[in-house]
Amino acid sequence: MRSFSVHTLFVMAAAALLSSSLVYAAPTQSSVPSSGGSASGGATQSTKFVAVDWSGQSGLNILKWHPEREDGLRTASVEYKGERGLLKCTSYFDQYEIEFSVLHDLDSLPGFTEYAAVPRRLEMFQTDDHYHCLILEMIRGYSLREYAPLLKGDYKDVFASRLAGLMSSAIYAMHKIRNVHGNITPDNIYIRPKEDDPDNFEVVFTGFDAAQSIRDPRQPSAIKSHGFAPPEDYIQSSVNQYKRDAWMLGATLYFVTNGMAPYNFDDSSEHGAFAPVPKELQRKMEEIEATDKNTFPEVNTQNGRLRQEIERFLTPKPENRDNVKRFTEERDTDLFNYKPKNPAWAETWNKLKAKLLLNKKPEWHDIPPPDNRWSPNVSTQNTAA
């Protein structure tokens, strides 16, 4: 009788649940301008644009407009020259350019591509009404918010452990070239199972609207995702962006192990990233930053190494917090190849199949309602520079 590895079992279970309804998922990204009209720290690459009419963009077919974001970011599911894609348009040129630049750098960075991927850039253009647009590939996969709840017990630990190694190493490579992601959350990390390797999966980073090129040790944050932003974001105007990424990595991994943000406040799905900071969250962040002691429930994992790394990333005071690290499969086997101590293969597999409701289509794949408030050449707000 063939024996299955832990990786294979959880991939088989997830595939059984997801395969019948697998769709090209649009990255849940958001764009945030700063007071100067940009949220970036400056682009590292110059970009040329040609102003065109939306309807005249060759090869572009708009399939569905999605609701306009609170900051004016406009997105649509499109088909571009026969390929499904995500159209993102913003009136803030600087933020557009830094996103393009970071995606370009990471797409060809060996230290990054060894561990993760970013969406491919299909096209870029500028509209007559002064919007700067990117067309990115539509990701065939699932966000962590969708994928993580499917995994239980040992399977969740195996997945979370390997995910920690991949994400941390990829972010480390990003930091080495003086870039930060700026908005690491379960909505901006996608999981793409590898068809040719059932024991593995690919991590795709999205949501680079808040990315920055680091020029100074401390810079303002472009976006504050409540529940995943670090304590210093609620106290200081400028913070160490590398240490900030480390906290957001820890908070995202905590979501995978515990099913919620560290302090159980995650408003991204209901109120967006621009909701006012709740007073109780503000008080809690000030409290833990002052005492350097967390009060969230214990990290829910049997892997002691994973628990240790998450807790180090979630140290409240940034000066005492670990930087994001580079892990390797050879050295860090307790992350990349974690094996539960007592896996009861047959019993666990049968229980898992029963719990996953194999024929149910997840509700998160419902397409968002259409937004008919605007047409491509009629702005609904003042977007003048």
Protein backbone atom coordinates (compact mmCIF):
# COMPACT_ATOMS: atom_id res chain seq x y z
CA MET A 1 0.00 0.00 0.00
CA ARG A 2 1.37 3.39 -0.99
CA SER A 3 2.28 5.71 1.90
CA PHE A 4 1.69 9.44 1.61
CA SER A 5 3.74 12.26 3.05
CA VAL A 6 2.07 14.90 5.17
CA HIS A 7 2.45 17.40 2.34
CA THR A 8 0.80 15.07 -0.13
CA LEU A 9 -2.15 14.37 2.14
CA PHE A 10 -3.02 17.98 2.78
CA VAL A 11 -2.52 18.90 -0.88
CA MET A 12 -4.80 16.03 -1.91
CA ALA A 13 -7.42 17.19 0.57
CA ALA A 14 -7.25 20.82 -0.51
CA ALA A 15 -7.24 19.86 -4.17
CA ALA A 16 -10.32 17.70 -3.69
CA LEU A 17 -12.13 20.63 -2.17
CA LEU A 18 -10.92 23.34 -4.51
CA SER A 19 -10.36 21.75 -7.90
CA SER A 20 -13.97 21.73 -9.03
CA SER A 21 -14.31 25.46 -8.39
CA LEU A 22 -10.76 26.71 -9.06
CA VAL A 23 -10.94 30.10 -10.76
CA TYR A 24 -8.54 32.87 -11.62
CA ALA A 25 -8.61 34.93 -8.46
CA ALA A 26 -8.18 38.67 -8.57
CA PRO A 27 -5.57 39.89 -6.05
CA THR A 28 -7.20 41.84 -3.22
CA GLN A 29 -4.96 44.88 -3.37
CA SER A 30 -5.39 48.46 -2.27
CA SER A 31 -3.64 51.71 -3.13
CA VAL A 32 -3.03 54.49 -0.64
CA PRO A 33 -1.74 57.97 -1.52
CA SER A 34 0.08 60.09 1.01
CA SER A 35 -0.36 63.80 1.56
CA GLY A 36 2.07 64.50 -1.23
CA GLY A 37 0.05 62.57 -3.77
CA SER A 38 2.11 59.41 -3.36
CA ALA A 39 2.58 56.74 -0.76
CA SER A 40 5.91 55.59 -2.06
CA GLY A 41 9.44 56.29 -1.07
CA GLY A 42 10.35 57.02 -4.67
CA ALA A 43 10.68 54.79 -7.71
CA THR A 44 13.90 53.19 -8.79
CA GLN A 45 13.02 52.90 -12.47
CA SER A 46 11.75 55.42 -15.00
CA THR A 47 8.62 54.47 -16.95
CA LYS A 48 7.27 55.92 -20.21
CA PHE A 49 3.56 56.11 -21.00
CA VAL A 50 1.41 56.86 -23.99
CA ALA A 51 -1.96 58.47 -23.27
CA VAL A 52 -4.75 56.49 -24.89
CA ASP A 53 -8.53 56.32 -24.76
CA TRP A 54 -9.75 53.40 -22.62
CA SER A 55 -11.86 51.97 -25.40
CA GLY A 56 -8.97 52.37 -27.82
CA GLN A 57 -6.44 50.32 -25.85
CA SER A 58 -5.54 47.61 -28.34
CA GLY A 59 -6.34 44.05 -27.25
CA LEU A 60 -8.07 45.08 -24.00
CA ASN A 61 -11.54 43.72 -23.26
CA ILE A 62 -13.15 44.79 -19.97
CA LEU A 63 -15.00 41.79 -18.51
CA LYS A 64 -16.19 43.27 -15.21
CA TRP A 65 -15.58 46.45 -13.29
CA HIS A 66 -15.18 45.98 -9.54
CA PRO A 67 -16.32 48.54 -6.93
CA GLU A 68 -14.15 51.62 -6.76
CA ARG A 69 -11.86 51.66 -3.73
CA GLU A 70 -12.04 54.39 -1.10
CA ASP A 71 -8.77 55.88 -2.31
CA GLY A 72 -9.95 55.97 -5.94
CA LEU A 73 -8.17 52.80 -7.11
CA ARG A 74 -10.16 51.32 -9.98
CA THR A 75 -9.91 47.65 -10.82
CA ALA A 76 -11.49 45.36 -13.38
CA SER A 77 -11.30 41.78 -14.55
CA VAL A 78 -10.13 41.92 -18.14
CA GLU A 79 -8.98 39.88 -21.08
CA TYR A 80 -5.84 41.24 -22.67
CA LYS A 81 -4.66 39.72 -25.93
CA GLY A 82 -6.32 36.42 -25.06
CA GLU A 83 -5.09 36.24 -21.44
CA ARG A 84 -7.14 36.85 -18.30
CA GLY A 85 -5.85 39.75 -16.24
CA LEU A 86 -6.47 42.32 -13.51
CA LEU A 87 -6.58 45.99 -14.51
CA LYS A 88 -5.47 48.46 -11.81
CA CYS A 89 -5.72 52.21 -12.39
CA THR A 90 -4.76 55.04 -10.04
CA SER A 91 -4.44 58.80 -10.43
CA TYR A 92 -1.29 58.81 -8.27
CA PHE A 93 1.67 58.44 -10.62
CA ASP A 94 4.38 58.03 -7.96
CA GLN A 95 2.61 55.12 -6.30
CA TYR A 96 1.97 53.52 -9.66
CA GLU A 97 5.63 53.81 -10.59
CA ILE A 98 6.96 52.30 -7.36
CA GLU A 99 4.61 49.33 -7.73
CA PHE A 100 5.77 48.79 -11.30
CA SER A 101 9.41 49.12 -10.26
CA VAL A 102 9.18 46.68 -7.34
CA LEU A 103 7.33 44.11 -9.44
CA HIS A 104 9.99 44.45 -12.13
CA ASP A 105 12.84 44.01 -9.64
CA LEU A 106 11.35 40.99 -7.85
CA ASP A 107 10.33 39.19 -11.02
CA SER A 108 14.00 38.75 -11.94
CA LEU A 109 15.60 38.59 -8.48
CA PRO A 110 17.11 35.10 -7.90
CA GLY A 111 16.98 35.30 -4.10
CA PHE A 112 13.28 36.08 -4.32
CA THR A 113 12.11 33.82 -7.14
CA GLU A 114 13.69 30.84 -5.36
CA TYR A 115 10.96 31.15 -2.72
CA ALA A 116 8.03 33.09 -4.17
CA ALA A 117 6.56 34.85 -7.18
CA VAL A 118 4.77 38.08 -8.12
CA PRO A 119 2.07 38.63 -10.75
CA ARG A 120 3.39 39.08 -14.28
CA ARG A 121 2.95 42.51 -15.82
CA LEU A 122 1.03 42.24 -19.07
CA GLU A 123 0.76 45.91 -20.03
CA MET A 124 0.89 49.49 -18.80
CA PHE A 125 -0.76 52.62 -20.16
CA GLN A 126 -2.12 56.05 -19.25
CA THR A 127 -5.71 57.16 -19.92
CA ASP A 128 -6.91 60.47 -21.28
CA ASP A 129 -8.39 61.26 -17.87
CA HIS A 130 -4.99 60.96 -16.18
CA TYR A 131 -5.15 57.46 -14.72
CA HIS A 132 -2.02 55.31 -14.68
CA CYS A 133 -2.85 51.68 -15.35
CA LEU A 134 -1.25 48.28 -14.97
CA ILE A 135 -2.59 45.02 -16.33
CA LEU A 136 -1.38 42.09 -14.22
CA GLU A 137 -1.93 38.41 -14.77
CA MET A 138 -4.95 36.98 -13.00
CA ILE A 139 -3.64 34.60 -10.34
CA ARG A 140 -4.83 31.03 -10.56
CA GLY A 141 -4.90 30.32 -6.86
CA TYR A 142 -6.36 31.25 -3.48
CA SER A 143 -5.61 33.91 -0.91
CA LEU A 144 -4.44 32.82 2.53
CA ARG A 145 -7.77 34.05 3.90
CA GLU A 146 -9.47 31.45 1.70
CA TYR A 147 -6.93 28.65 1.83
CA ALA A 148 -5.80 28.47 5.46
CA PRO A 149 -9.22 27.62 6.99
CA LEU A 150 -9.34 24.46 4.85
CA LEU A 151 -6.44 22.91 6.76
CA LYS A 152 -6.71 21.44 10.25
CA GLY A 153 -4.39 19.96 12.86
CA ASP A 154 -1.20 18.39 11.56
CA TYR A 155 -1.88 19.48 8.00
CA LYS A 156 -2.18 23.11 9.03
CA ASP A 157 1.10 22.89 10.95
CA VAL A 158 2.92 21.40 7.96
CA PHE A 159 1.56 24.09 5.66
CA ALA A 160 2.19 26.99 8.07
CA SER A 161 5.76 25.83 8.78
CA ARG A 162 6.73 25.66 5.11
CA LEU A 163 4.89 28.90 4.40
CA ALA A 164 6.92 30.66 7.11
CA GLY A 165 10.17 29.52 5.51
CA LEU A 166 9.12 30.59 2.01
CA MET A 167 7.63 33.95 2.96
CA SER A 168 10.42 34.99 5.30
CA SER A 169 13.13 34.10 2.79
CA ALA A 170 11.35 35.95 -0.02
CA ILE A 171 10.86 39.08 2.10
CA TYR A 172 14.51 38.90 3.19
CA ALA A 173 15.52 39.06 -0.50
CA MET A 174 13.17 42.01 -0.99
CA HIS A 175 14.78 43.84 1.93
CA LYS A 176 18.29 43.17 0.61
CA ILE A 177 17.54 45.40 -2.38
CA ARG A 178 16.06 48.06 -0.07
CA ASN A 179 12.40 47.45 -0.90
CA VAL A 180 9.58 46.71 1.54
CA HIS A 181 6.17 45.24 0.80
CA GLY A 182 4.28 47.43 3.26
CA ASN A 183 0.97 45.55 3.39
CA ILE A 184 1.54 41.88 4.21
CA THR A 185 -1.87 40.41 5.08
CA PRO A 186 -3.78 37.16 4.38
CA ASP A 187 -5.52 38.97 1.51
CA ASN A 188 -2.29 39.83 -0.30
CA ILE A 189 -0.59 36.42 -0.15
CA TYR A 190 -1.81 33.80 -2.63
CA ILE A 191 -1.23 30.06 -2.68
CA ARG A 192 -0.79 28.37 -6.04
CA PRO A 193 -0.52 24.55 -5.80
CA LYS A 194 2.14 23.14 -8.11
CA GLU A 195 0.62 20.73 -10.61
CA ASP A 196 3.91 18.90 -11.23
CA ASP A 197 4.75 18.52 -7.52
CA PRO A 198 1.86 17.48 -5.25
CA ASP A 199 4.03 17.91 -2.15
CA ASN A 200 4.61 21.60 -2.83
CA PHE A 201 2.96 24.95 -3.50
CA GLU A 202 3.98 28.38 -4.72
CA VAL A 203 3.58 31.60 -2.74
CA VAL A 204 2.53 34.66 -4.75
CA PHE A 205 2.94 38.14 -3.24
CA THR A 206 0.37 40.72 -4.35
CA GLY A 207 -0.79 44.09 -2.99
CA PHE A 208 2.31 46.15 -3.76
CA ASP A 209 0.36 49.42 -3.65
CA ALA A 210 1.98 50.15 -0.28
CA ALA A 211 5.52 49.14 -1.32
CA GLN A 212 8.39 51.54 -0.70
CA SER A 213 12.00 51.95 -1.69
CA ILE A 214 13.89 52.63 1.54
CA ARG A 215 16.00 55.76 1.54
CA ASP A 216 15.94 56.59 5.26
CA PRO A 217 16.03 54.29 8.31
CA ARG A 218 12.55 55.51 9.28
CA GLN A 219 9.78 56.39 6.84
CA PRO A 220 6.00 56.96 7.07
CA SER A 221 3.83 53.91 6.41
CA ALA A 222 1.72 54.03 3.26
CA ILE A 223 -1.14 51.94 4.59
CA LYS A 224 -2.21 50.63 8.00
CA SER A 225 -4.23 47.43 7.80
CA HIS A 226 -5.89 47.20 11.20
CA GLY A 227 -5.16 43.86 12.81
CA PHE A 228 -1.90 43.39 10.91
CA ALA A 229 -0.12 46.74 11.31
CA PRO A 230 2.45 46.86 14.15
CA PRO A 231 2.08 48.84 17.41
CA GLU A 232 4.48 51.58 16.30
CA ASP A 233 2.13 52.51 13.45
CA TYR A 234 -0.36 53.74 16.07
CA ILE A 235 2.20 55.82 17.95
CA GLN A 236 4.80 57.21 15.55
CA SER A 237 4.50 58.97 12.18
CA SER A 238 7.69 57.40 10.81
CA VAL A 239 8.87 53.87 11.62
CA ASN A 240 11.48 51.29 10.71
CA GLN A 241 9.86 49.78 7.62
CA TYR A 242 11.95 46.58 7.72
CA LYS A 243 10.84 45.83 11.29
CA ARG A 244 7.30 46.73 10.27
CA ASP A 245 7.32 44.09 7.50
CA ALA A 246 8.57 41.59 10.10
CA TRP A 247 5.56 42.24 12.36
CA MET A 248 3.13 41.93 9.44
CA LEU A 249 4.75 38.64 8.44
CA GLY A 250 4.30 37.36 12.01
CA ALA A 251 0.70 38.56 12.12
CA THR A 252 -0.10 36.86 8.81
CA LEU A 253 1.42 33.56 9.98
CA TYR A 254 -0.52 33.93 13.24
CA PHE A 255 -3.69 34.21 11.18
CA VAL A 256 -2.84 30.87 9.54
CA THR A 257 -2.22 29.09 12.87
CA ASN A 258 -5.01 30.73 14.88
CA GLY A 259 -7.59 31.78 12.32
CA MET A 260 -7.57 35.45 13.32
CA ALA A 261 -5.32 38.48 13.62
CA PRO A 262 -3.16 38.57 16.79
CA TYR A 263 -5.48 40.98 18.57
CA ASN A 264 -8.64 39.69 16.91
CA PHE A 265 -9.32 42.91 15.07
CA ASP A 266 -9.37 42.51 11.31
CA ASP A 267 -11.67 44.93 9.52
CA SER A 268 -10.26 44.57 6.02
CA SER A 269 -13.17 42.56 4.66
CA GLU A 270 -15.92 44.75 6.12
CA HIS A 271 -14.65 48.29 6.37
CA GLY A 272 -11.66 48.51 4.07
CA ALA A 273 -8.15 49.63 4.90
CA PHE A 274 -9.17 53.23 5.54
CA ALA A 275 -11.57 52.74 8.45
CA PRO A 276 -10.95 54.90 11.53
CA VAL A 277 -8.81 53.24 14.18
CA PRO A 278 -11.07 51.84 16.91
CA LYS A 279 -10.29 53.30 20.31
CA GLU A 280 -9.83 49.87 21.91
CA LEU A 281 -7.27 48.89 19.27
CA GLN A 282 -5.42 52.17 19.69
CA ARG A 283 -5.25 51.63 23.47
CA LYS A 284 -4.10 48.04 23.09
CA MET A 285 -1.32 48.94 20.67
CA GLU A 286 -0.08 51.70 22.97
CA GLU A 287 -0.17 49.31 25.93
CA ILE A 288 1.81 46.47 24.40
CA GLU A 289 4.35 48.83 22.84
CA ALA A 290 4.98 50.42 26.25
CA THR A 291 5.31 47.12 28.12
CA ASP A 292 6.87 45.10 25.26
CA LYS A 293 4.55 42.26 26.26
CA ASN A 294 1.91 40.66 24.07
CA THR A 295 -1.49 39.62 25.37
CA PHE A 296 -2.84 37.68 22.38
CA PRO A 297 -3.74 33.95 22.70
CA GLU A 298 -0.80 31.55 22.35
CA VAL A 299 0.28 30.63 18.85
CA ASN A 300 -1.71 27.51 18.00
CA THR A 301 0.85 25.07 16.62
CA GLN A 302 2.62 21.90 17.70
CA ASN A 303 5.78 23.02 15.88
CA GLY A 304 7.91 24.71 18.53
CA ARG A 305 10.23 26.26 15.93
CA LEU A 306 7.33 27.87 14.09
CA ARG A 307 5.89 29.22 17.34
CA GLN A 308 9.28 30.67 18.25
CA GLU A 309 9.71 32.47 14.92
CA ILE A 310 6.18 33.93 14.96
CA GLU A 311 6.66 35.23 18.51
CA ARG A 312 9.99 36.82 17.58
CA PHE A 313 8.40 38.62 14.63
CA LEU A 314 5.56 39.79 16.90
CA THR A 315 7.77 41.43 19.53
CA PRO A 316 5.97 44.73 20.31
CA LYS A 317 8.98 47.05 20.53
CA PRO A 318 10.58 47.29 17.06
CA GLU A 319 14.08 47.68 18.49
CA ASN A 320 13.73 44.26 20.15
CA ARG A 321 12.03 42.61 17.17
CA ASP A 322 13.86 40.20 14.88
CA ASN A 323 14.48 41.22 11.31
CA VAL A 324 13.01 39.01 8.62
CA LYS A 325 15.33 36.05 8.05
CA ARG A 326 16.44 33.88 5.18
CA PHE A 327 15.77 30.17 5.77
CA THR A 328 16.97 27.22 3.69
CA GLU A 329 15.58 23.73 3.17
CA GLU A 330 18.94 22.21 4.06
CA ARG A 331 19.37 24.05 7.36
CA ASP A 332 15.78 24.66 8.47
CA THR A 333 14.15 21.28 8.00
CA ASP A 334 11.85 21.90 10.98
CA LEU A 335 10.15 24.57 8.85
CA PHE A 336 10.41 23.37 5.25
CA ASN A 337 9.92 19.68 6.01
CA TYR A 338 8.16 19.62 9.36
CA LYS A 339 6.71 16.23 10.26
CA PRO A 340 4.17 15.72 13.07
CA LYS A 341 5.32 13.32 15.78
CA ASN A 342 2.42 10.88 15.65
CA PRO A 343 0.52 11.08 12.35
CA ALA A 344 -2.32 8.54 12.26
CA TRP A 345 -2.54 8.41 8.48
CA ALA A 346 -5.61 6.31 7.76
CA GLU A 347 -7.90 7.67 10.48
CA THR A 348 -6.87 11.29 9.90
CA TRP A 349 -7.28 11.04 6.14
CA ASN A 350 -10.82 9.66 6.41
CA LYS A 351 -11.83 12.30 8.95
CA LEU A 352 -10.32 15.05 6.84
CA LYS A 353 -12.23 13.98 3.74
CA ALA A 354 -15.48 14.05 5.69
CA LYS A 355 -14.85 17.50 7.17
CA LEU A 356 -13.84 19.25 3.98
CA LEU A 357 -17.28 18.99 2.33
CA LEU A 358 -15.68 18.05 -0.95
CA ASN A 359 -18.50 19.17 -3.23
CA LYS A 360 -19.17 22.55 -1.69
CA LYS A 361 -18.08 25.65 -3.55
CA PRO A 362 -16.50 28.16 -1.13
CA GLU A 363 -18.62 31.27 -0.70
CA TRP A 364 -15.61 33.56 -1.10
CA HIS A 365 -15.57 32.87 -4.86
CA ASP A 366 -18.82 34.74 -5.40
CA ILE A 367 -18.13 37.57 -7.83
CA PRO A 368 -18.44 41.05 -6.25
CA PRO A 369 -21.52 43.03 -7.29
CA PRO A 370 -21.05 45.38 -10.27
CA ASP A 371 -20.32 49.04 -9.69
CA ASN A 372 -22.11 51.25 -12.22
CA ARG A 373 -21.23 54.55 -10.61
CA TRP A 374 -18.78 55.59 -13.30
CA SER A 375 -17.72 55.08 -16.86
CA PRO A 376 -14.06 54.84 -17.98
CA ASN A 377 -13.84 58.47 -19.12
CA VAL A 378 -16.10 60.06 -16.48
CA SER A 379 -14.43 60.52 -13.10
CA THR A 380 -16.53 60.38 -9.94
CA GLN A 381 -14.11 62.40 -7.90
CA ASN A 382 -11.47 65.08 -8.14
CA THR A 383 -8.30 63.30 -9.23
CA ALA A 384 -6.32 66.31 -10.33
CA ALA A 385 -2.72 66.30 -9.24
